[in-house]
Amino acid sequence: MRRASKKSLSSAATASAGPTKAVSKEVERIDQFFYTYADNSSVMIDPEGIETLCSHLEVPHTDVRILMLAWKMGCEKQGYFTLDEWRAGLKALRADSISKLKKAFPELVQEVTRPSNFQDFYIYAFRYCLTEDKKKCIEIPVACELLNLVLGLQFRPQVDKLSNYLKAMDSTFLCGSTHPFFMKTRCSIDMLYLDCVSVPK
């Protein structure tokens, strides 16, 4: 039986390792991208790092696309990106640099605004805010800002009406068991408004 030459064995090994090496190189670039903004002590991208990231992306830190990015990464703590979250999100977006992340934004917006994903994003936006200090309630001004950020462009008249109603409420907080922000099976902002104004005080 003819033995394989060292050269052919080496070529076969390189071919079989090719995809693995490509993946590891991609992860390495994503990790390098992460450490551009991460805090050295916490090994996380903190609020200051996110502001720098936004500056490089040429978007304000209040841009809804940053919230969409957090949703894509599955971030648990408001204002912080961990390395694992960053890897998961940026691998899915195929983005290992600022230029690639910028190019990925339109696709990300399309993904989030699909009816099958938008309800999940909507719920995530408010739960994401609640994770800070394990809060169970959200301040009404913050809730109104989130409504404006998440729904304002699509449903301006309804969001304005709902925000005015919430600001007129006696309470300064909305708790998870009582506030009307989780749409559940309803996808209509009009229905959300009707549900809100019918909530007994």
N, C-alpha and C. Protein backbone atom coordinates (compact mmCIF):
# COMPACT_ATOMS: atom_id res chain seq x y z
N MET A 1 0.86 -1.20 0.00
CA MET A 1 0.00 0.00 0.00
C MET A 1 0.89 1.24 0.00
N ARG A 2 0.51 2.18 -0.83
CA ARG A 2 1.30 3.41 -0.92
C ARG A 2 1.05 4.29 0.29
N ARG A 3 2.12 4.75 0.90
CA ARG A 3 2.02 5.64 2.06
C ARG A 3 1.85 7.08 1.59
N ALA A 4 1.05 7.82 2.31
CA ALA A 4 0.88 9.24 1.98
C ALA A 4 2.14 9.99 2.32
N SER A 5 2.50 10.88 1.46
CA SER A 5 3.70 11.69 1.71
C SER A 5 3.43 12.69 2.82
N LYS A 6 4.53 13.17 3.41
CA LYS A 6 4.40 14.18 4.46
C LYS A 6 3.70 15.43 3.94
N LYS A 7 3.99 15.73 2.66
CA LYS A 7 3.39 16.93 2.07
C LYS A 7 1.88 16.77 1.95
N SER A 8 1.45 15.56 1.50
CA SER A 8 0.01 15.35 1.34
C SER A 8 -0.69 15.30 2.68
N LEU A 9 -0.03 14.71 3.69
CA LEU A 9 -0.61 14.69 5.04
C LEU A 9 -0.74 16.10 5.59
N SER A 10 0.29 16.90 5.35
CA SER A 10 0.26 18.29 5.81
C SER A 10 -0.85 19.08 5.14
N SER A 11 -1.03 18.84 3.82
CA SER A 11 -2.08 19.54 3.08
C SER A 11 -3.46 19.14 3.57
N ALA A 12 -3.61 17.83 3.85
CA ALA A 12 -4.90 17.33 4.35
C ALA A 12 -5.21 17.92 5.71
N ALA A 13 -4.20 17.97 6.57
CA ALA A 13 -4.40 18.53 7.91
C ALA A 13 -4.78 19.99 7.83
N THR A 14 -4.13 20.73 6.93
CA THR A 14 -4.45 22.16 6.77
C THR A 14 -5.86 22.35 6.27
N ALA A 15 -6.27 21.48 5.32
CA ALA A 15 -7.62 21.58 4.76
C ALA A 15 -8.67 21.30 5.80
N SER A 16 -8.41 20.24 6.63
CA SER A 16 -9.40 19.89 7.66
C SER A 16 -9.46 20.93 8.75
N ALA A 17 -8.34 21.58 9.02
CA ALA A 17 -8.31 22.60 10.08
C ALA A 17 -8.74 23.96 9.58
N GLY A 18 -8.88 24.09 8.25
CA GLY A 18 -9.19 25.38 7.66
C GLY A 18 -10.38 26.09 8.26
N PRO A 19 -11.58 25.45 8.24
CA PRO A 19 -12.76 26.12 8.79
C PRO A 19 -12.61 26.49 10.26
N THR A 20 -11.97 25.57 11.03
CA THR A 20 -11.77 25.84 12.46
C THR A 20 -10.86 27.05 12.65
N LYS A 21 -9.79 27.09 11.85
CA LYS A 21 -8.87 28.23 11.94
C LYS A 21 -9.57 29.53 11.55
N ALA A 22 -10.41 29.45 10.52
CA ALA A 22 -11.13 30.65 10.07
C ALA A 22 -12.05 31.17 11.17
N VAL A 23 -12.73 30.23 11.84
CA VAL A 23 -13.63 30.61 12.94
C VAL A 23 -12.84 31.22 14.08
N SER A 24 -11.71 30.59 14.44
CA SER A 24 -10.91 31.11 15.54
C SER A 24 -10.33 32.49 15.22
N LYS A 25 -9.97 32.71 13.95
CA LYS A 25 -9.48 34.02 13.54
C LYS A 25 -10.58 35.07 13.64
N GLU A 26 -11.79 34.66 13.26
CA GLU A 26 -12.93 35.58 13.35
C GLU A 26 -13.18 35.96 14.81
N VAL A 27 -13.17 34.96 15.70
CA VAL A 27 -13.38 35.22 17.13
C VAL A 27 -12.26 36.10 17.67
N GLU A 28 -11.04 35.85 17.21
CA GLU A 28 -9.90 36.66 17.65
C GLU A 28 -10.07 38.12 17.26
N ARG A 29 -10.55 38.35 16.04
CA ARG A 29 -10.77 39.74 15.59
C ARG A 29 -11.91 40.38 16.38
N ILE A 30 -12.97 39.61 16.65
CA ILE A 30 -14.09 40.12 17.44
C ILE A 30 -13.64 40.46 18.85
N ASP A 31 -12.78 39.60 19.42
CA ASP A 31 -12.25 39.86 20.77
C ASP A 31 -11.38 41.12 20.78
N GLN A 32 -10.55 41.29 19.76
CA GLN A 32 -9.71 42.49 19.68
C GLN A 32 -10.58 43.74 19.58
N PHE A 33 -11.64 43.63 18.82
CA PHE A 33 -12.61 44.73 18.69
C PHE A 33 -13.22 45.05 20.05
N PHE A 34 -13.55 44.01 20.81
CA PHE A 34 -14.12 44.19 22.15
C PHE A 34 -13.16 44.94 23.07
N TYR A 35 -11.91 44.52 23.08
CA TYR A 35 -10.93 45.11 24.02
C TYR A 35 -10.57 46.55 23.65
N THR A 36 -10.96 46.99 22.47
CA THR A 36 -10.79 48.39 22.11
C THR A 36 -11.62 49.29 23.03
N TYR A 37 -12.75 48.75 23.50
CA TYR A 37 -13.69 49.55 24.30
C TYR A 37 -13.85 49.06 25.73
N ALA A 38 -13.32 47.89 26.04
CA ALA A 38 -13.52 47.30 27.37
C ALA A 38 -12.69 47.98 28.44
N ASP A 39 -13.24 48.02 29.64
CA ASP A 39 -12.51 48.52 30.80
C ASP A 39 -11.56 47.42 31.27
N ASN A 40 -10.31 47.77 31.54
CA ASN A 40 -9.30 46.78 31.90
C ASN A 40 -9.59 46.06 33.21
N SER A 41 -10.18 46.75 34.17
CA SER A 41 -10.41 46.15 35.48
C SER A 41 -11.63 45.23 35.49
N SER A 42 -12.71 45.66 34.86
CA SER A 42 -13.95 44.86 34.88
C SER A 42 -14.02 43.88 33.71
N VAL A 43 -13.19 44.08 32.69
CA VAL A 43 -13.21 43.28 31.46
C VAL A 43 -14.62 43.27 30.87
N MET A 44 -15.25 44.42 30.90
CA MET A 44 -16.54 44.62 30.26
C MET A 44 -16.52 45.96 29.55
N ILE A 45 -17.38 46.11 28.57
CA ILE A 45 -17.58 47.43 27.98
C ILE A 45 -18.60 48.14 28.85
N ASP A 46 -18.17 49.17 29.55
CA ASP A 46 -19.04 49.89 30.48
C ASP A 46 -19.67 51.09 29.77
N PRO A 47 -20.48 51.89 30.48
CA PRO A 47 -21.13 53.03 29.84
C PRO A 47 -20.16 53.97 29.11
N GLU A 48 -18.98 54.19 29.69
CA GLU A 48 -17.99 55.05 29.03
C GLU A 48 -17.51 54.41 27.72
N GLY A 49 -17.30 53.09 27.75
CA GLY A 49 -16.88 52.38 26.55
C GLY A 49 -17.96 52.39 25.48
N ILE A 50 -19.21 52.30 25.91
CA ILE A 50 -20.32 52.33 24.96
C ILE A 50 -20.42 53.71 24.30
N GLU A 51 -20.19 54.76 25.09
CA GLU A 51 -20.20 56.10 24.52
C GLU A 51 -19.10 56.26 23.47
N THR A 52 -17.92 55.70 23.75
CA THR A 52 -16.82 55.76 22.77
C THR A 52 -17.19 54.97 21.52
N LEU A 53 -17.79 53.79 21.72
CA LEU A 53 -18.25 52.98 20.60
C LEU A 53 -19.24 53.76 19.74
N CYS A 54 -20.19 54.39 20.40
CA CYS A 54 -21.20 55.19 19.67
C CYS A 54 -20.55 56.32 18.90
N SER A 55 -19.54 56.94 19.51
CA SER A 55 -18.83 58.02 18.84
C SER A 55 -18.17 57.52 17.56
N HIS A 56 -17.57 56.33 17.63
CA HIS A 56 -16.92 55.76 16.45
C HIS A 56 -17.95 55.30 15.41
N LEU A 57 -19.13 54.90 15.89
CA LEU A 57 -20.21 54.51 14.97
C LEU A 57 -20.93 55.74 14.40
N GLU A 58 -20.63 56.89 14.98
CA GLU A 58 -21.25 58.16 14.58
C GLU A 58 -22.76 58.15 14.80
N VAL A 59 -23.15 57.63 15.98
CA VAL A 59 -24.56 57.65 16.39
C VAL A 59 -24.61 58.10 17.85
N PRO A 60 -25.68 58.76 18.27
CA PRO A 60 -25.81 59.11 19.68
C PRO A 60 -26.05 57.85 20.52
N HIS A 61 -25.65 57.89 21.79
CA HIS A 61 -25.82 56.70 22.64
C HIS A 61 -27.29 56.39 22.91
N THR A 62 -28.16 57.35 22.60
CA THR A 62 -29.60 57.13 22.77
C THR A 62 -30.25 56.57 21.49
N ASP A 63 -29.47 56.33 20.48
CA ASP A 63 -30.00 55.80 19.22
C ASP A 63 -30.59 54.41 19.45
N VAL A 64 -31.78 54.16 18.92
CA VAL A 64 -32.46 52.89 19.14
C VAL A 64 -31.64 51.71 18.62
N ARG A 65 -30.75 51.95 17.66
CA ARG A 65 -29.94 50.86 17.12
C ARG A 65 -28.97 50.30 18.15
N ILE A 66 -28.57 51.11 19.12
CA ILE A 66 -27.71 50.62 20.20
C ILE A 66 -28.51 49.67 21.09
N LEU A 67 -29.77 50.00 21.33
CA LEU A 67 -30.64 49.10 22.08
C LEU A 67 -30.89 47.81 21.29
N MET A 68 -31.03 47.94 19.98
CA MET A 68 -31.18 46.76 19.12
C MET A 68 -29.94 45.89 19.18
N LEU A 69 -28.76 46.52 19.23
CA LEU A 69 -27.51 45.79 19.34
C LEU A 69 -27.46 45.02 20.66
N ALA A 70 -27.89 45.66 21.74
CA ALA A 70 -27.93 44.99 23.04
C ALA A 70 -28.88 43.79 22.99
N TRP A 71 -30.02 43.96 22.31
CA TRP A 71 -30.98 42.86 22.14
C TRP A 71 -30.34 41.71 21.37
N LYS A 72 -29.62 42.03 20.31
CA LYS A 72 -28.97 41.01 19.48
C LYS A 72 -27.93 40.26 20.29
N MET A 73 -27.23 40.96 21.17
CA MET A 73 -26.20 40.33 21.99
C MET A 73 -26.79 39.58 23.19
N GLY A 74 -28.07 39.87 23.49
CA GLY A 74 -28.68 39.24 24.67
C GLY A 74 -28.14 39.80 25.96
N CYS A 75 -27.83 41.09 25.97
CA CYS A 75 -27.24 41.72 27.16
C CYS A 75 -28.21 41.69 28.34
N GLU A 76 -27.67 41.41 29.50
CA GLU A 76 -28.50 41.30 30.70
C GLU A 76 -28.45 42.53 31.58
N LYS A 77 -27.32 43.22 31.58
CA LYS A 77 -27.16 44.38 32.47
C LYS A 77 -27.13 45.65 31.66
N GLN A 78 -27.99 46.58 32.01
CA GLN A 78 -28.09 47.83 31.28
C GLN A 78 -26.76 48.59 31.30
N GLY A 79 -26.29 49.00 30.12
CA GLY A 79 -25.09 49.81 30.03
C GLY A 79 -23.79 49.04 30.06
N TYR A 80 -23.86 47.70 29.98
CA TYR A 80 -22.66 46.89 30.03
C TYR A 80 -22.73 45.76 29.00
N PHE A 81 -21.63 45.54 28.29
CA PHE A 81 -21.51 44.43 27.36
C PHE A 81 -20.41 43.50 27.85
N THR A 82 -20.71 42.22 28.06
CA THR A 82 -19.67 41.26 28.43
C THR A 82 -19.03 40.70 27.16
N LEU A 83 -17.89 40.04 27.34
CA LEU A 83 -17.20 39.47 26.18
C LEU A 83 -18.05 38.39 25.52
N ASP A 84 -18.69 37.54 26.31
CA ASP A 84 -19.53 36.47 25.73
C ASP A 84 -20.71 37.05 24.96
N GLU A 85 -21.33 38.10 25.52
CA GLU A 85 -22.45 38.75 24.83
C GLU A 85 -21.98 39.38 23.51
N TRP A 86 -20.84 40.04 23.59
CA TRP A 86 -20.25 40.69 22.41
C TRP A 86 -19.95 39.66 21.32
N ARG A 87 -19.33 38.56 21.72
CA ARG A 87 -19.01 37.51 20.75
C ARG A 87 -20.26 36.98 20.06
N ALA A 88 -21.28 36.66 20.87
CA ALA A 88 -22.51 36.08 20.32
C ALA A 88 -23.17 37.02 19.32
N GLY A 89 -23.28 38.30 19.70
CA GLY A 89 -23.95 39.26 18.84
C GLY A 89 -23.18 39.58 17.58
N LEU A 90 -21.88 39.81 17.72
CA LEU A 90 -21.09 40.23 16.56
C LEU A 90 -20.79 39.08 15.61
N LYS A 91 -20.73 37.85 16.13
CA LYS A 91 -20.60 36.70 15.24
C LYS A 91 -21.85 36.57 14.38
N ALA A 92 -23.01 36.76 15.02
CA ALA A 92 -24.27 36.67 14.28
C ALA A 92 -24.37 37.77 13.22
N LEU A 93 -23.82 38.94 13.54
CA LEU A 93 -23.85 40.07 12.61
C LEU A 93 -22.69 40.05 11.62
N ARG A 94 -21.74 39.13 11.84
CA ARG A 94 -20.55 39.03 10.99
C ARG A 94 -19.80 40.37 10.97
N ALA A 95 -19.61 40.91 12.16
CA ALA A 95 -18.98 42.23 12.29
C ALA A 95 -17.81 42.14 13.27
N ASP A 96 -16.60 42.43 12.76
CA ASP A 96 -15.44 42.42 13.63
C ASP A 96 -14.68 43.75 13.57
N SER A 97 -15.38 44.79 13.09
CA SER A 97 -14.77 46.12 13.02
C SER A 97 -15.88 47.16 12.99
N ILE A 98 -15.51 48.40 13.21
CA ILE A 98 -16.49 49.49 13.17
C ILE A 98 -17.18 49.56 11.81
N SER A 99 -16.42 49.47 10.74
CA SER A 99 -17.01 49.58 9.40
C SER A 99 -18.02 48.46 9.14
N LYS A 100 -17.70 47.25 9.57
CA LYS A 100 -18.61 46.12 9.36
C LYS A 100 -19.85 46.25 10.26
N LEU A 101 -19.67 46.78 11.46
CA LEU A 101 -20.82 46.96 12.36
C LEU A 101 -21.75 48.02 11.80
N LYS A 102 -21.19 49.09 11.25
CA LYS A 102 -22.02 50.12 10.60
C LYS A 102 -22.83 49.51 9.46
N LYS A 103 -22.18 48.68 8.65
CA LYS A 103 -22.86 48.06 7.52
C LYS A 103 -23.92 47.06 7.96
N ALA A 104 -23.76 46.51 9.17
CA ALA A 104 -24.71 45.52 9.68
C ALA A 104 -25.98 46.15 10.25
N PHE A 105 -25.95 47.46 10.54
CA PHE A 105 -27.10 48.11 11.16
C PHE A 105 -28.40 47.99 10.35
N PRO A 106 -28.39 48.25 9.04
CA PRO A 106 -29.65 48.13 8.29
C PRO A 106 -30.26 46.73 8.38
N GLU A 107 -29.41 45.71 8.31
CA GLU A 107 -29.90 44.33 8.43
C GLU A 107 -30.45 44.07 9.82
N LEU A 108 -29.79 44.64 10.84
CA LEU A 108 -30.25 44.48 12.21
C LEU A 108 -31.60 45.14 12.41
N VAL A 109 -31.78 46.34 11.86
CA VAL A 109 -33.06 47.05 11.97
C VAL A 109 -34.16 46.23 11.29
N GLN A 110 -33.87 45.68 10.13
CA GLN A 110 -34.86 44.85 9.43
C GLN A 110 -35.24 43.64 10.26
N GLU A 111 -34.23 43.03 10.89
CA GLU A 111 -34.49 41.84 11.71
C GLU A 111 -35.38 42.18 12.90
N VAL A 112 -35.07 43.27 13.58
CA VAL A 112 -35.83 43.64 14.77
C VAL A 112 -37.26 44.02 14.43
N THR A 113 -37.46 44.70 13.31
CA THR A 113 -38.79 45.22 12.98
C THR A 113 -39.69 44.18 12.31
N ARG A 114 -39.18 42.98 12.09
CA ARG A 114 -40.07 41.92 11.63
C ARG A 114 -41.09 41.63 12.73
N PRO A 115 -42.36 41.41 12.37
CA PRO A 115 -43.39 41.14 13.39
C PRO A 115 -43.02 39.99 14.33
N SER A 116 -42.32 38.99 13.80
CA SER A 116 -41.95 37.83 14.61
C SER A 116 -40.91 38.18 15.67
N ASN A 117 -40.16 39.27 15.48
CA ASN A 117 -39.12 39.67 16.43
C ASN A 117 -39.46 40.92 17.22
N PHE A 118 -40.31 41.78 16.68
CA PHE A 118 -40.49 43.09 17.29
C PHE A 118 -41.11 43.00 18.68
N GLN A 119 -42.05 42.09 18.87
CA GLN A 119 -42.67 41.97 20.20
C GLN A 119 -41.62 41.56 21.23
N ASP A 120 -40.71 40.65 20.84
CA ASP A 120 -39.65 40.22 21.74
C ASP A 120 -38.73 41.39 22.07
N PHE A 121 -38.39 42.19 21.06
CA PHE A 121 -37.53 43.36 21.27
C PHE A 121 -38.21 44.37 22.18
N TYR A 122 -39.51 44.59 21.95
CA TYR A 122 -40.29 45.55 22.73
C TYR A 122 -40.28 45.17 24.21
N ILE A 123 -40.53 43.89 24.49
CA ILE A 123 -40.53 43.39 25.87
C ILE A 123 -39.12 43.48 26.45
N TYR A 124 -38.13 43.11 25.65
CA TYR A 124 -36.75 43.16 26.10
C TYR A 124 -36.34 44.57 26.54
N ALA A 125 -36.76 45.57 25.78
CA ALA A 125 -36.36 46.95 26.06
C ALA A 125 -36.75 47.37 27.47
N PHE A 126 -37.93 46.97 27.92
CA PHE A 126 -38.37 47.36 29.26
C PHE A 126 -37.78 46.47 30.34
N ARG A 127 -37.64 45.20 30.04
CA ARG A 127 -37.00 44.30 31.01
C ARG A 127 -35.53 44.66 31.18
N TYR A 128 -34.89 45.09 30.10
CA TYR A 128 -33.49 45.50 30.14
C TYR A 128 -33.31 46.67 31.11
N CYS A 129 -34.26 47.56 31.08
CA CYS A 129 -34.21 48.71 31.99
C CYS A 129 -34.44 48.26 33.44
N LEU A 130 -35.31 47.28 33.63
CA LEU A 130 -35.62 46.80 34.97
C LEU A 130 -34.48 46.05 35.62
N THR A 131 -33.52 45.58 34.83
CA THR A 131 -32.44 44.76 35.41
C THR A 131 -31.50 45.57 36.29
N GLU A 132 -31.50 46.87 36.13
CA GLU A 132 -30.59 47.70 36.93
C GLU A 132 -30.96 47.62 38.40
N ASP A 133 -30.00 47.17 39.23
CA ASP A 133 -30.21 47.04 40.67
C ASP A 133 -31.42 46.17 41.01
N LYS A 134 -31.75 45.23 40.13
CA LYS A 134 -32.86 44.28 40.35
C LYS A 134 -34.17 45.00 40.63
N LYS A 135 -34.39 46.09 39.96
CA LYS A 135 -35.62 46.85 40.15
C LYS A 135 -36.81 46.07 39.63
N LYS A 136 -37.95 46.24 40.29
CA LYS A 136 -39.19 45.61 39.84
C LYS A 136 -40.14 46.66 39.27
N CYS A 137 -39.79 47.92 39.46
CA CYS A 137 -40.64 49.00 38.96
C CYS A 137 -39.78 49.95 38.12
N ILE A 138 -40.45 50.66 37.25
CA ILE A 138 -39.77 51.59 36.36
C ILE A 138 -40.37 52.98 36.54
N GLU A 139 -39.51 53.99 36.59
CA GLU A 139 -40.00 55.36 36.74
C GLU A 139 -40.77 55.76 35.48
N ILE A 140 -41.85 56.49 35.67
CA ILE A 140 -42.70 56.88 34.54
C ILE A 140 -41.92 57.71 33.51
N PRO A 141 -41.09 58.69 33.92
CA PRO A 141 -40.32 59.42 32.90
C PRO A 141 -39.42 58.51 32.07
N VAL A 142 -38.82 57.51 32.71
CA VAL A 142 -37.98 56.56 31.99
C VAL A 142 -38.82 55.72 31.05
N ALA A 143 -40.00 55.29 31.53
CA ALA A 143 -40.90 54.51 30.69
C ALA A 143 -41.32 55.30 29.44
N CYS A 144 -41.58 56.57 29.63
CA CYS A 144 -41.98 57.41 28.49
C CYS A 144 -40.84 57.57 27.50
N GLU A 145 -39.61 57.71 28.01
CA GLU A 145 -38.45 57.82 27.13
C GLU A 145 -38.28 56.54 26.32
N LEU A 146 -38.48 55.39 26.97
CA LEU A 146 -38.35 54.12 26.27
C LEU A 146 -39.43 53.94 25.22
N LEU A 147 -40.65 54.33 25.57
CA LEU A 147 -41.73 54.27 24.58
C LEU A 147 -41.39 55.11 23.36
N ASN A 148 -40.87 56.28 23.61
CA ASN A 148 -40.50 57.17 22.50
C ASN A 148 -39.37 56.57 21.66
N LEU A 149 -38.39 55.97 22.34
CA LEU A 149 -37.24 55.38 21.66
C LEU A 149 -37.65 54.18 20.81
N VAL A 150 -38.46 53.30 21.39
CA VAL A 150 -38.78 52.03 20.74
C VAL A 150 -39.91 52.17 19.72
N LEU A 151 -40.91 53.01 20.03
CA LEU A 151 -42.11 53.06 19.19
C LEU A 151 -42.37 54.42 18.54
N GLY A 152 -41.60 55.44 18.96
CA GLY A 152 -41.91 56.80 18.53
C GLY A 152 -41.92 57.02 17.03
N LEU A 153 -40.97 56.42 16.33
CA LEU A 153 -40.89 56.65 14.89
C LEU A 153 -42.06 56.04 14.14
N GLN A 154 -42.56 54.92 14.63
CA GLN A 154 -43.65 54.22 13.94
C GLN A 154 -45.03 54.68 14.38
N PHE A 155 -45.15 55.05 15.66
CA PHE A 155 -46.48 55.32 16.21
C PHE A 155 -46.49 56.62 17.01
N ARG A 156 -46.05 57.72 16.39
CA ARG A 156 -45.91 58.98 17.10
C ARG A 156 -47.20 59.46 17.80
N PRO A 157 -48.35 59.54 17.12
CA PRO A 157 -49.55 60.05 17.80
C PRO A 157 -49.95 59.19 19.00
N GLN A 158 -49.90 57.85 18.84
CA GLN A 158 -50.29 56.97 19.93
C GLN A 158 -49.31 57.04 21.10
N VAL A 159 -48.02 57.13 20.79
CA VAL A 159 -47.01 57.23 21.85
C VAL A 159 -47.18 58.52 22.64
N ASP A 160 -47.46 59.62 21.94
CA ASP A 160 -47.69 60.90 22.62
C ASP A 160 -48.89 60.82 23.56
N LYS A 161 -49.97 60.19 23.08
CA LYS A 161 -51.18 60.05 23.92
C LYS A 161 -50.89 59.19 25.15
N LEU A 162 -50.21 58.08 24.93
CA LEU A 162 -49.91 57.18 26.04
C LEU A 162 -48.97 57.84 27.04
N SER A 163 -47.97 58.55 26.55
CA SER A 163 -47.03 59.24 27.44
C SER A 163 -47.73 60.30 28.28
N ASN A 164 -48.64 61.05 27.65
CA ASN A 164 -49.39 62.08 28.39
C ASN A 164 -50.26 61.46 29.47
N TYR A 165 -50.85 60.31 29.15
CA TYR A 165 -51.68 59.62 30.14
C TYR A 165 -50.84 59.17 31.33
N LEU A 166 -49.68 58.58 31.04
CA LEU A 166 -48.82 58.07 32.11
C LEU A 166 -48.31 59.19 33.00
N LYS A 167 -47.97 60.33 32.38
CA LYS A 167 -47.47 61.46 33.16
C LYS A 167 -48.54 62.06 34.05
N ALA A 168 -49.80 61.84 33.68
CA ALA A 168 -50.91 62.37 34.47
C ALA A 168 -51.30 61.44 35.61
N MET A 169 -50.72 60.25 35.65
CA MET A 169 -51.06 59.29 36.71
C MET A 169 -50.56 59.78 38.06
N ASP A 170 -51.23 59.33 39.12
CA ASP A 170 -50.83 59.72 40.47
C ASP A 170 -49.48 59.12 40.86
N SER A 171 -49.23 57.90 40.42
CA SER A 171 -47.99 57.20 40.78
C SER A 171 -46.81 57.73 39.98
N THR A 172 -45.62 57.58 40.57
CA THR A 172 -44.39 57.96 39.86
C THR A 172 -43.68 56.72 39.31
N PHE A 173 -44.19 55.53 39.64
CA PHE A 173 -43.59 54.28 39.18
C PHE A 173 -44.64 53.39 38.55
N LEU A 174 -44.19 52.53 37.67
CA LEU A 174 -45.02 51.48 37.12
C LEU A 174 -44.33 50.16 37.43
N CYS A 175 -45.08 49.25 38.06
CA CYS A 175 -44.49 47.98 38.46
C CYS A 175 -44.83 46.88 37.45
N GLY A 176 -44.02 45.86 37.44
CA GLY A 176 -44.17 44.80 36.46
C GLY A 176 -45.54 44.14 36.48
N SER A 177 -46.17 44.08 37.64
CA SER A 177 -47.46 43.41 37.74
C SER A 177 -48.61 44.28 37.28
N THR A 178 -48.38 45.59 37.16
CA THR A 178 -49.50 46.47 36.83
C THR A 178 -49.30 47.30 35.58
N HIS A 179 -48.03 47.54 35.18
CA HIS A 179 -47.87 48.46 34.05
C HIS A 179 -48.23 47.79 32.73
N PRO A 180 -48.68 48.56 31.77
CA PRO A 180 -49.25 48.01 30.52
C PRO A 180 -48.25 47.83 29.39
N PHE A 181 -46.96 47.78 29.68
CA PHE A 181 -46.00 47.83 28.59
C PHE A 181 -45.76 46.49 27.89
N PHE A 182 -46.10 45.38 28.51
CA PHE A 182 -45.84 44.11 27.88
C PHE A 182 -47.04 43.72 27.03
N MET A 183 -46.85 43.68 25.74
CA MET A 183 -47.96 43.52 24.81
C MET A 183 -48.53 42.11 24.82
N LYS A 184 -47.74 41.14 25.26
CA LYS A 184 -48.15 39.73 25.22
C LYS A 184 -48.56 39.36 23.82
N THR A 185 -49.81 39.02 23.61
CA THR A 185 -50.20 38.57 22.27
C THR A 185 -50.67 39.71 21.38
N ARG A 186 -50.77 40.91 21.91
CA ARG A 186 -51.24 42.03 21.10
C ARG A 186 -50.08 42.70 20.40
N CYS A 187 -50.23 43.00 19.14
CA CYS A 187 -49.16 43.66 18.37
C CYS A 187 -49.57 45.07 17.97
N SER A 188 -50.75 45.52 18.37
CA SER A 188 -51.23 46.82 17.95
C SER A 188 -51.00 47.86 19.03
N ILE A 189 -50.35 48.94 18.70
CA ILE A 189 -50.14 50.02 19.67
C ILE A 189 -51.47 50.67 20.05
N ASP A 190 -52.44 50.64 19.14
CA ASP A 190 -53.76 51.17 19.49
C ASP A 190 -54.38 50.35 20.61
N MET A 191 -54.26 49.04 20.54
CA MET A 191 -54.78 48.18 21.59
C MET A 191 -54.01 48.42 22.89
N LEU A 192 -52.71 48.64 22.77
CA LEU A 192 -51.90 48.93 23.95
C LEU A 192 -52.40 50.19 24.64
N TYR A 193 -52.72 51.21 23.86
CA TYR A 193 -53.22 52.45 24.43
C TYR A 193 -54.56 52.24 25.11
N LEU A 194 -55.44 51.48 24.47
CA LEU A 194 -56.76 51.22 25.04
C LEU A 194 -56.63 50.42 26.33
N ASP A 195 -55.70 49.45 26.34
CA ASP A 195 -55.47 48.68 27.57
C ASP A 195 -54.98 49.59 28.69
N CYS A 196 -54.11 50.51 28.32
CA CYS A 196 -53.51 51.39 29.33
C CYS A 196 -54.57 52.29 29.97
N VAL A 197 -55.40 52.91 29.15
CA VAL A 197 -56.34 53.87 29.71
C VAL A 197 -57.47 53.15 30.47
N SER A 198 -57.58 51.84 30.29
CA SER A 198 -58.63 51.12 30.99
C SER A 198 -58.13 50.49 32.29
N VAL A 199 -56.82 50.62 32.57
CA VAL A 199 -56.27 50.06 33.80
C VAL A 199 -56.83 50.83 34.99
N PRO A 200 -57.48 50.13 35.95
CA PRO A 200 -58.05 50.85 37.11
C PRO A 200 -56.95 51.42 37.99
N LYS A 201 -57.20 52.58 38.52
CA LYS A 201 -56.23 53.22 39.41
C LYS A 201 -56.34 52.62 40.81
